[in-house]
Protein backbone atom coordinates (compact mmCIF):
# COMPACT_ATOMS: atom_id res chain seq x y z
CA UNK A 1 -24.41 -2.13 68.15
CA UNK A 2 -25.57 -1.92 64.62
CA UNK A 3 -23.38 -2.74 61.79
CA UNK A 4 -22.38 -1.29 58.83
CA UNK A 5 -24.33 -2.28 55.87
CA UNK A 6 -21.92 -4.43 54.10
CA UNK A 7 -20.98 -8.50 53.73
CA UNK A 8 -17.53 -9.96 55.22
CA UNK A 9 -15.60 -12.03 53.45
CA UNK A 10 -17.30 -15.27 54.71
CA UNK A 11 -20.92 -14.22 53.97
CA UNK A 12 -19.43 -13.48 50.44
CA UNK A 13 -17.64 -16.88 50.16
CA UNK A 14 -20.87 -18.57 51.61
CA UNK A 15 -22.62 -17.03 48.76
CA UNK A 16 -24.99 -14.63 50.71
CA UNK A 17 -24.10 -11.39 48.16
CA UNK A 18 -25.32 -14.24 45.35
CA UNK A 19 -28.23 -13.46 42.87
CA UNK A 20 -30.72 -16.04 44.53
CA UNK A 21 -31.28 -18.24 40.61
CA UNK A 22 -27.77 -19.37 41.38
CA UNK A 23 -28.45 -20.99 44.73
CA UNK A 24 -31.34 -22.33 43.04
CA UNK A 25 -29.46 -23.61 40.49
CA UNK A 26 -27.01 -25.28 42.57
CA UNK A 27 -30.08 -26.83 44.51
CA UNK A 28 -31.80 -28.37 41.65
CA UNK A 29 -28.34 -29.73 40.23
CA UNK A 30 -27.99 -31.40 43.19
CA UNK A 31 -31.13 -33.49 43.17
CA UNK A 32 -31.57 -34.04 39.42
CA UNK A 33 -27.83 -35.15 39.46
CA UNK A 34 -26.88 -32.90 37.08
CA UNK A 35 -24.06 -31.13 37.52
CA UNK A 36 -21.34 -31.59 35.17
CA UNK A 37 -17.72 -30.20 34.51
CA UNK A 38 -17.55 -26.94 32.82
CA UNK A 39 -15.36 -24.36 31.42
CA UNK A 40 -16.53 -21.03 32.30
CA UNK A 41 -15.13 -17.72 30.58
CA UNK A 42 -15.11 -14.02 31.63
CA UNK A 43 -14.89 -11.72 28.84
CA UNK A 44 -16.31 -8.22 28.40
CA UNK A 45 -19.03 -7.65 25.82
CA UNK A 46 -18.42 -3.75 25.37
CA UNK A 47 -17.05 -0.61 27.23
CA UNK A 48 -19.95 1.65 28.89
CA UNK A 49 -18.02 4.76 27.06
CA UNK A 50 -18.20 5.30 23.32
CA UNK A 51 -14.49 6.66 24.04
CA UNK A 52 -13.44 3.26 25.85
CA UNK A 53 -11.50 0.69 23.32
CA UNK A 54 -9.37 -0.36 26.11
CA UNK A 55 -8.94 -1.42 29.59
CA UNK A 56 -7.05 -2.39 32.40
CA UNK A 57 -7.94 -5.93 34.43
CA UNK A 58 -8.30 -5.07 38.00
CA UNK A 59 -9.77 -7.42 41.01
CA UNK A 60 -8.42 -10.57 40.07
CA UNK A 61 -6.68 -10.95 43.87
CA UNK A 62 -10.16 -10.67 45.25
CA UNK A 63 -11.71 -13.12 43.14
CA UNK A 64 -9.02 -15.58 43.48
CA UNK A 65 -9.61 -15.19 47.26
CA UNK A 66 -13.06 -16.36 47.31
CA UNK A 67 -12.21 -19.27 44.88
CA UNK A 68 -9.37 -20.65 47.38
CA UNK A 69 -9.74 -24.25 48.57
CA UNK A 70 -12.26 -25.04 45.64
CA UNK A 71 -11.14 -28.03 43.19
CA UNK A 72 -11.27 -25.64 39.93
CA UNK A 73 -8.21 -24.68 37.92
CA UNK A 74 -8.19 -20.95 36.85
CA UNK A 75 -6.43 -19.14 33.89
CA UNK A 76 -6.37 -15.40 33.91
CA UNK A 77 -4.68 -12.54 31.91
CA UNK A 78 -1.89 -10.77 34.65
CA UNK A 79 -3.27 -8.09 36.94
CA UNK A 80 -2.84 -5.31 35.87
CA UNK A 81 -2.76 -6.08 32.32
CA UNK A 82 -4.49 -4.26 28.88
CA UNK A 83 -7.57 -5.95 27.63
CA UNK A 84 -9.69 -5.63 25.02
CA UNK A 85 -13.30 -6.09 24.46
CA UNK A 86 -14.60 -9.61 23.45
CA UNK A 87 -11.76 -10.85 24.45
CA UNK A 88 -11.41 -13.83 27.18
CA UNK A 89 -9.60 -12.30 30.39
CA UNK A 90 -10.41 -15.60 33.00
CA UNK A 91 -11.14 -19.21 32.13
CA UNK A 92 -12.38 -21.63 35.43
CA UNK A 93 -12.68 -25.30 35.03
CA UNK A 94 -14.21 -27.55 37.63
CA UNK A 95 -17.69 -29.13 38.55
CA UNK A 96 -20.26 -26.01 38.40
CA UNK A 97 -21.22 -26.74 41.74
CA UNK A 98 -18.25 -26.26 43.21
CA UNK A 99 -17.74 -22.51 41.66
CA UNK A 100 -20.84 -21.09 39.86
CA UNK A 101 -22.95 -20.02 42.49
CA UNK A 102 -19.84 -17.01 42.84
CA UNK A 103 -20.53 -15.93 39.41
CA UNK A 104 -22.19 -12.82 41.28
CA UNK A 105 -19.33 -11.93 43.23
CA UNK A 106 -16.55 -13.05 40.91
CA UNK A 107 -17.41 -10.20 38.56
CA UNK A 108 -18.47 -7.81 41.13
CA UNK A 109 -14.72 -7.94 42.37
CA UNK A 110 -13.80 -7.68 38.37
CA UNK A 111 -16.17 -5.04 37.19
CA UNK A 112 -15.72 -2.33 39.73
CA UNK A 113 -11.68 -2.63 39.85
CA UNK A 114 -11.54 -2.66 36.58
CA UNK A 115 -13.50 0.19 35.97
CA UNK A 116 -11.37 2.31 38.27
CA UNK A 117 -8.18 1.20 37.25
CA UNK A 118 -9.01 1.80 33.55
CA UNK A 119 -10.60 5.44 34.19
CA UNK A 120 -7.18 5.82 36.18
CA UNK A 121 -4.80 5.07 33.75
CA UNK A 122 -6.45 7.61 31.07
CA UNK A 123 -6.06 9.86 33.50
CA UNK A 124 -2.45 8.36 33.74
CA UNK A 125 -1.75 8.86 29.97
CA UNK A 126 -3.45 12.57 30.14
CA UNK A 127 -0.95 13.94 32.99
CA UNK A 128 2.35 11.79 31.43
CA UNK A 129 5.12 12.36 34.00
CA UNK A 130 2.62 14.81 36.30
CA UNK A 131 2.18 13.84 40.00
CA UNK A 132 -1.19 11.71 39.84
CA UNK A 133 -3.23 11.41 42.71
CA UNK A 134 -6.61 8.94 44.06
CA UNK A 135 -8.74 11.45 46.16
CA UNK A 136 -12.03 9.59 45.88
CA UNK A 137 -13.07 7.39 48.84
CA UNK A 138 -15.30 9.74 50.01
CA UNK A 139 -17.52 9.01 46.88
CA UNK A 140 -17.91 5.45 47.47
CA UNK A 141 -19.21 3.34 50.76
CA UNK A 142 -16.41 3.34 53.11
CA UNK A 143 -16.02 -0.28 53.46
CA UNK A 144 -14.73 -0.86 49.76
CA UNK A 145 -12.30 2.25 50.07
CA UNK A 146 -9.02 0.34 50.51
CA UNK A 147 -10.28 -1.62 47.18
CA UNK A 148 -10.75 1.82 45.11
CA UNK A 149 -7.62 3.07 46.26
CA UNK A 150 -6.15 0.15 45.08
CA UNK A 151 -7.27 -0.11 41.48
CA UNK A 152 -6.22 3.35 41.25
CA UNK A 153 -2.66 3.30 42.32
CA UNK A 154 -3.06 -0.15 40.21
CA UNK A 155 -4.32 1.76 37.01
CA UNK A 156 -1.56 4.69 37.38
CA UNK A 157 -2.32 6.83 40.66
CA UNK A 158 1.43 7.78 42.37
CA UNK A 159 -0.42 8.10 45.20
CA UNK A 160 -3.92 7.70 47.31
CA UNK A 161 -5.36 9.66 50.49
CA UNK A 162 -6.74 6.85 52.95
CA UNK A 163 -4.82 5.51 55.40
CA UNK A 164 -6.36 1.93 54.87
CA UNK A 165 -5.99 2.67 51.27
CA UNK A 166 -2.24 3.20 51.88
CA UNK A 167 -1.87 0.50 53.80
CA UNK A 168 -3.14 -2.11 51.72
CA UNK A 169 -1.02 -1.07 48.82
CA UNK A 170 2.61 -0.99 50.91
CA UNK A 171 2.37 3.17 50.49
CA UNK A 172 2.15 6.42 52.68
CA UNK A 173 -1.02 8.39 52.74
CA UNK A 174 -0.85 11.75 50.76
CA UNK A 175 -2.63 14.65 51.73
CA UNK A 176 -1.91 17.78 53.70
CA UNK A 177 -5.22 20.17 55.23
CA UNK A 178 -8.75 20.69 54.21
CA UNK A 179 -10.83 23.65 54.19
CA UNK A 180 -11.91 23.01 57.55
CA UNK A 181 -8.58 23.24 58.87
CA UNK A 182 -8.53 26.68 57.44
CA UNK A 183 -12.17 28.03 57.99
CA UNK A 184 -11.46 27.47 61.33
CA UNK A 185 -8.34 28.75 62.18
CA UNK A 186 -9.73 31.89 60.07
CA UNK A 187 -6.50 32.50 58.25
CA UNK A 188 -4.41 30.25 55.50
CA UNK A 189 -1.39 31.45 56.40
CA UNK A 190 -2.42 30.74 60.60
CA UNK A 191 -3.29 27.09 59.40
CA UNK A 192 -0.50 26.67 56.91
CA UNK A 193 1.87 27.45 60.16
CA UNK A 194 -0.18 25.16 62.26
CA UNK A 195 0.13 22.26 59.98
CA UNK A 196 4.42 23.28 59.30
CA UNK A 197 4.90 23.01 63.00
CA UNK A 198 3.19 20.05 64.02
CA UNK A 199 3.16 17.82 61.35
CA UNK A 200 6.25 15.32 60.59
CA UNK A 201 8.50 17.19 58.17
CA UNK A 202 8.30 13.96 55.68
CA UNK A 203 5.27 15.35 54.65
CA UNK A 204 5.87 18.06 51.87
CA UNK A 205 4.34 21.58 52.55
CA UNK A 206 1.32 22.07 50.44
CA UNK A 207 -0.49 25.02 51.08
CA UNK A 208 -4.29 25.03 49.96
CA UNK A 209 -5.04 28.43 48.95
CA UNK A 210 -8.33 29.03 47.89
CA UNK A 211 -10.72 29.46 51.10
CA UNK A 212 -11.29 33.26 51.75
CA UNK A 213 -9.29 34.99 49.26
CA UNK A 214 -7.71 35.53 45.12
CA UNK A 215 -5.50 32.13 44.49
CA UNK A 216 -3.62 34.66 43.02
CA UNK A 217 -2.50 36.95 46.60
CA UNK A 218 -2.68 33.97 48.47
CA UNK A 219 0.16 31.92 46.85
CA UNK A 220 1.93 35.03 47.15
CA UNK A 221 1.60 35.28 50.68
CA UNK A 222 2.20 31.79 51.50
CA UNK A 223 5.04 31.65 49.31
CA UNK A 224 6.33 34.34 51.20
CA UNK A 225 5.55 33.06 54.71
CA UNK A 226 7.07 29.76 54.18
CA UNK A 227 10.03 30.44 51.54
CA UNK A 228 11.84 27.29 50.45
CA UNK A 229 9.61 24.93 53.01
CA UNK A 230 6.71 25.80 50.31
CA UNK A 231 6.58 22.89 48.28
CA UNK A 232 3.47 23.58 46.32
CA UNK A 233 -0.04 25.58 46.55
CA UNK A 234 -2.73 23.65 45.77
CA UNK A 235 -6.21 24.81 43.86
CA UNK A 236 -9.25 23.13 44.29
CA UNK A 237 -11.48 25.94 43.64
CA UNK A 238 -15.11 25.33 43.17
CA UNK A 239 -16.53 25.67 39.53
CA UNK A 240 -18.88 28.60 40.60
CA UNK A 241 -15.93 30.84 41.41
CA UNK A 242 -13.01 29.34 38.53
CA UNK A 243 -14.28 31.27 35.47
CA UNK A 244 -11.21 30.76 33.05
CA UNK A 245 -9.59 28.14 35.73
CA UNK A 246 -6.42 27.87 32.88
CA UNK A 247 -5.77 31.66 33.39
CA UNK A 248 -5.76 31.54 36.98
CA UNK A 249 -3.35 29.09 37.37
CA UNK A 250 -1.53 31.00 34.77
CA UNK A 251 -1.11 34.14 36.85
CA UNK A 252 -0.26 31.62 39.85
CA UNK A 253 2.30 30.70 38.16
CA UNK A 254 3.79 34.03 36.84
CA UNK A 255 3.21 35.62 40.30
CA UNK A 256 5.38 32.89 42.12
CA UNK A 257 7.73 32.71 39.47
CA UNK A 258 8.54 36.71 39.22
CA UNK A 259 8.80 36.50 42.73
CA UNK A 260 11.81 33.78 42.93
CA UNK A 261 9.28 31.13 43.54
CA UNK A 262 9.71 29.07 40.86
CA UNK A 263 10.32 25.79 43.25
CA UNK A 264 6.78 26.39 44.26
CA UNK A 265 4.79 23.75 42.08
CA UNK A 266 1.16 23.80 41.12
CA UNK A 267 -1.51 21.33 42.28
CA UNK A 268 -5.08 20.93 41.40
CA UNK A 269 -8.21 19.06 42.56
CA UNK A 270 -11.75 19.64 42.11
CA UNK A 271 -14.08 17.89 39.09
CA UNK A 272 -10.98 16.91 37.01
CA UNK A 273 -10.83 14.21 34.37
CA UNK A 274 -8.47 12.93 31.67
CA UNK A 275 -9.26 15.49 29.79
CA UNK A 276 -9.40 18.92 32.10
CA UNK A 277 -6.32 17.14 32.55
CA UNK A 278 -5.06 17.06 29.33
CA UNK A 279 -5.81 20.57 29.30
CA UNK A 280 -3.62 22.02 31.99
CA UNK A 281 -1.00 19.22 32.48
CA UNK A 282 1.37 22.03 30.23
CA UNK A 283 1.16 24.33 33.38
CA UNK A 284 0.09 21.82 36.48
CA UNK A 285 2.84 19.84 38.01
CA UNK A 286 0.14 17.42 39.89
CA UNK A 287 -3.46 16.26 39.77
CA UNK A 288 -5.65 14.90 42.62
CA UNK A 289 -8.78 13.35 41.13
CA UNK A 290 -11.93 12.31 43.01
CA UNK A 291 -15.25 11.57 41.79
CA UNK A 292 -14.21 10.44 38.28
CA UNK A 293 -11.86 8.35 39.89
CA UNK A 294 -13.88 6.00 42.43
CA UNK A 295 -16.99 6.58 40.72
CA UNK A 296 -16.19 5.29 36.83
CA UNK A 297 -18.64 3.41 35.23
CA UNK A 298 -17.79 -0.41 36.35
CA UNK A 299 -16.89 -2.67 33.05
CA UNK A 300 -19.71 -5.51 31.96
CA UNK A 301 -17.99 -8.30 32.31
CA UNK A 302 -20.14 -11.96 31.67
CA UNK A 303 -19.23 -15.44 32.63
CA UNK A 304 -20.54 -17.89 30.49
CA UNK A 305 -20.41 -21.84 30.12
CA UNK A 306 -17.90 -22.80 26.77
CA UNK A 307 -17.83 -26.38 27.56
CA UNK A 308 -19.34 -29.00 29.25
CA UNK A 309 -17.67 -32.42 29.93
CA UNK A 310 -14.73 -31.23 27.81
CA UNK A 311 -17.37 -30.60 24.99
CA UNK A 312 -17.69 -27.10 23.10
CA UNK A 313 -21.12 -25.74 23.81
CA UNK A 314 -22.49 -22.18 24.23
CA UNK A 315 -25.54 -20.24 24.76
CA UNK A 316 -26.24 -18.07 21.51
CA UNK A 317 -23.99 -15.16 20.59
CA UNK A 318 -21.26 -16.63 22.32
CA UNK A 319 -17.91 -19.06 20.59
CA UNK A 320 -18.05 -22.59 22.18
CA UNK A 321 -14.77 -24.04 23.32
CA UNK A 322 -11.70 -23.29 25.58
CA UNK A 323 -10.10 -20.32 24.41
CA UNK A 324 -6.17 -19.14 24.01
CA UNK A 325 -5.81 -15.58 24.17
CA UNK A 326 -2.32 -14.78 21.86
CA UNK A 327 -0.35 -11.27 22.01
CA UNK A 328 1.49 -9.73 19.82
CA UNK A 329 3.95 -7.61 22.63
CA UNK A 330 5.29 -5.13 20.31
CA UNK A 331 1.95 -3.87 18.62
CA UNK A 332 -0.47 -4.60 21.64
CA UNK A 333 -2.44 -6.86 19.08
CA UNK A 334 -4.58 -9.63 20.30
CA UNK A 335 -5.96 -12.64 18.95
CA UNK A 336 -8.47 -15.00 20.29
CA UNK A 337 -7.93 -18.97 19.01
CA UNK A 338 -8.77 -22.26 20.13
CA UNK A 339 -6.97 -23.59 23.10
CA UNK A 340 -3.28 -24.19 22.70
CA UNK A 341 -3.51 -23.20 18.71
CA UNK A 342 -0.42 -21.33 17.80
CA UNK A 343 -0.89 -17.97 16.10
CA UNK A 344 1.35 -15.26 13.99
CA UNK A 345 0.73 -11.32 14.18
CA UNK A 346 -0.09 -9.75 11.38
CA UNK A 347 3.34 -7.48 12.05
CA UNK A 348 5.21 -11.16 11.70
CA UNK A 349 6.12 -11.77 15.08
CA UNK A 350 4.92 -14.15 17.49
CA UNK A 351 2.40 -14.04 20.24
CA UNK A 352 1.76 -15.74 23.08
CA UNK A 353 -0.79 -16.94 25.28
CA UNK A 354 -1.48 -14.33 27.94
CA UNK A 355 -4.42 -16.12 29.99
CA UNK A 356 -1.84 -18.04 32.28
CA UNK A 357 -2.76 -20.69 34.85
CA UNK A 358 -2.93 -18.78 38.70
CA UNK A 359 -4.62 -21.85 40.41
CA UNK A 360 -5.23 -26.00 40.11
CA UNK A 361 -7.27 -27.62 42.14
CA UNK A 362 -8.05 -24.61 44.61
CA UNK A 363 -4.58 -23.49 45.07
CA UNK A 364 -2.40 -20.62 43.75
CA UNK A 365 0.39 -21.76 41.49
CA UNK A 366 2.68 -18.79 42.42
CA UNK A 367 2.60 -16.07 44.91
CA UNK A 368 0.68 -13.36 43.58
CA UNK A 369 2.18 -9.52 42.93
CA UNK A 370 1.67 -7.09 45.34
CA UNK A 371 -0.10 -3.63 44.33
CA UNK A 372 3.51 -2.08 43.54
CA UNK A 373 4.15 -4.60 40.85
CA UNK A 374 1.41 -5.08 39.61
CA UNK A 375 1.31 -1.37 39.02
CA UNK A 376 4.39 -1.85 37.09
CA UNK A 377 3.11 -3.88 35.18
CA UNK A 378 0.39 -2.03 33.99
CA UNK A 379 2.70 1.03 33.38
CA UNK A 380 4.42 -0.98 31.33
CA UNK A 381 1.46 -1.68 29.37
CA UNK A 382 0.41 1.70 29.08
CA UNK A 383 3.80 2.40 27.90
CA UNK A 384 3.26 -0.39 25.06
CA UNK A 385 -0.24 0.98 24.07
CA UNK A 386 0.57 4.72 23.89
CA UNK A 387 3.98 4.30 22.18
CA UNK A 388 4.59 7.00 19.41
CA UNK A 389 0.83 7.63 19.78
CA UNK A 390 -0.50 11.14 20.66
CA UNK A 391 -2.25 10.60 24.20
CA UNK A 392 -5.38 12.64 22.79
CA UNK A 393 -5.39 10.04 20.26
CA UNK A 394 -5.00 7.17 22.55
CA UNK A 395 -8.19 8.47 24.82
CA UNK A 396 -10.29 9.25 21.97
CA UNK A 397 -10.81 12.62 22.93
CA UNK A 398 -11.61 15.78 20.65
CA UNK A 399 -8.52 18.01 20.02
CA UNK A 400 -7.60 20.92 22.56
């Protein structure tokens, strides 16, 4: 039986998905007896989008899974933390042969997960207190769907759509019915009725209203048919039919309200990003973000030697020596200083090193937080970053 074109965990840990020049480097170092104890740091050179000025750190748990059992020490900022360009997020110390061959895999874990978490956090800021859900698993390879969903969740999504993704984060999957059901049953009311009859009551009754008819009239039909049972109507209207989408939503809201269905919320999905969310959030109650979430640009982390046998050394363009990352929690300003050096923030407050020891001699120093706890940390970080600031300013968005 043929298998999906993926590497399993053991293959990744073995180095089968490592760039071959790292493996050739290992061979040379072994045979020449030149392998040394090093300190390597991971940091972001620059963000992939000009409007990005900060990111959400994700993928640390998977990276540590790869390193567990190896005689190395790892310091890292907590997963879910906000970080800025040109600041170290991970520091690894040990003999190069004990971890250097995993550079490709480690960076892969961090680059993609952090890119998705960052995009989710931007959508979270745009949505404010409105609902936000990850619908993007179908835009990525199915084998990494749980990773995609976890990263989106810790970045700020309230829920995820896939069963495996929800299981990983310890939540229930979110979703009701697709166009495929309505098309096969031939009518929105008939499909919604079957959903109401068959699916357990703890799943909210959300009617998809853009399959056959005008959204306004379909919204009225389902609201009149299901009354208080109906939690929301979802519009997934294709771009070729949207026209002025905000005006369509305003009409639907008006028609529901004037008939006494103010409890029915508006759920929107399809082609959304943080900027369309900003534009629609005053009239929409919940957003489902797919492609823009899961296909978020990977962040360009790099991993470089900064010390050899305890002495500072680095290639051109890099700062040598092990470092501390000192943060002022009040103003969210970071300072990179030589390891162990204290720093007072420009605002006059003390700072603390947020690079924490998470692994010693290949063993975790403490239990890693679960996805819900990581998400809680990221939400606290975002709250500090956005305090007393307009969301459009934080996102570097053009005024709406």
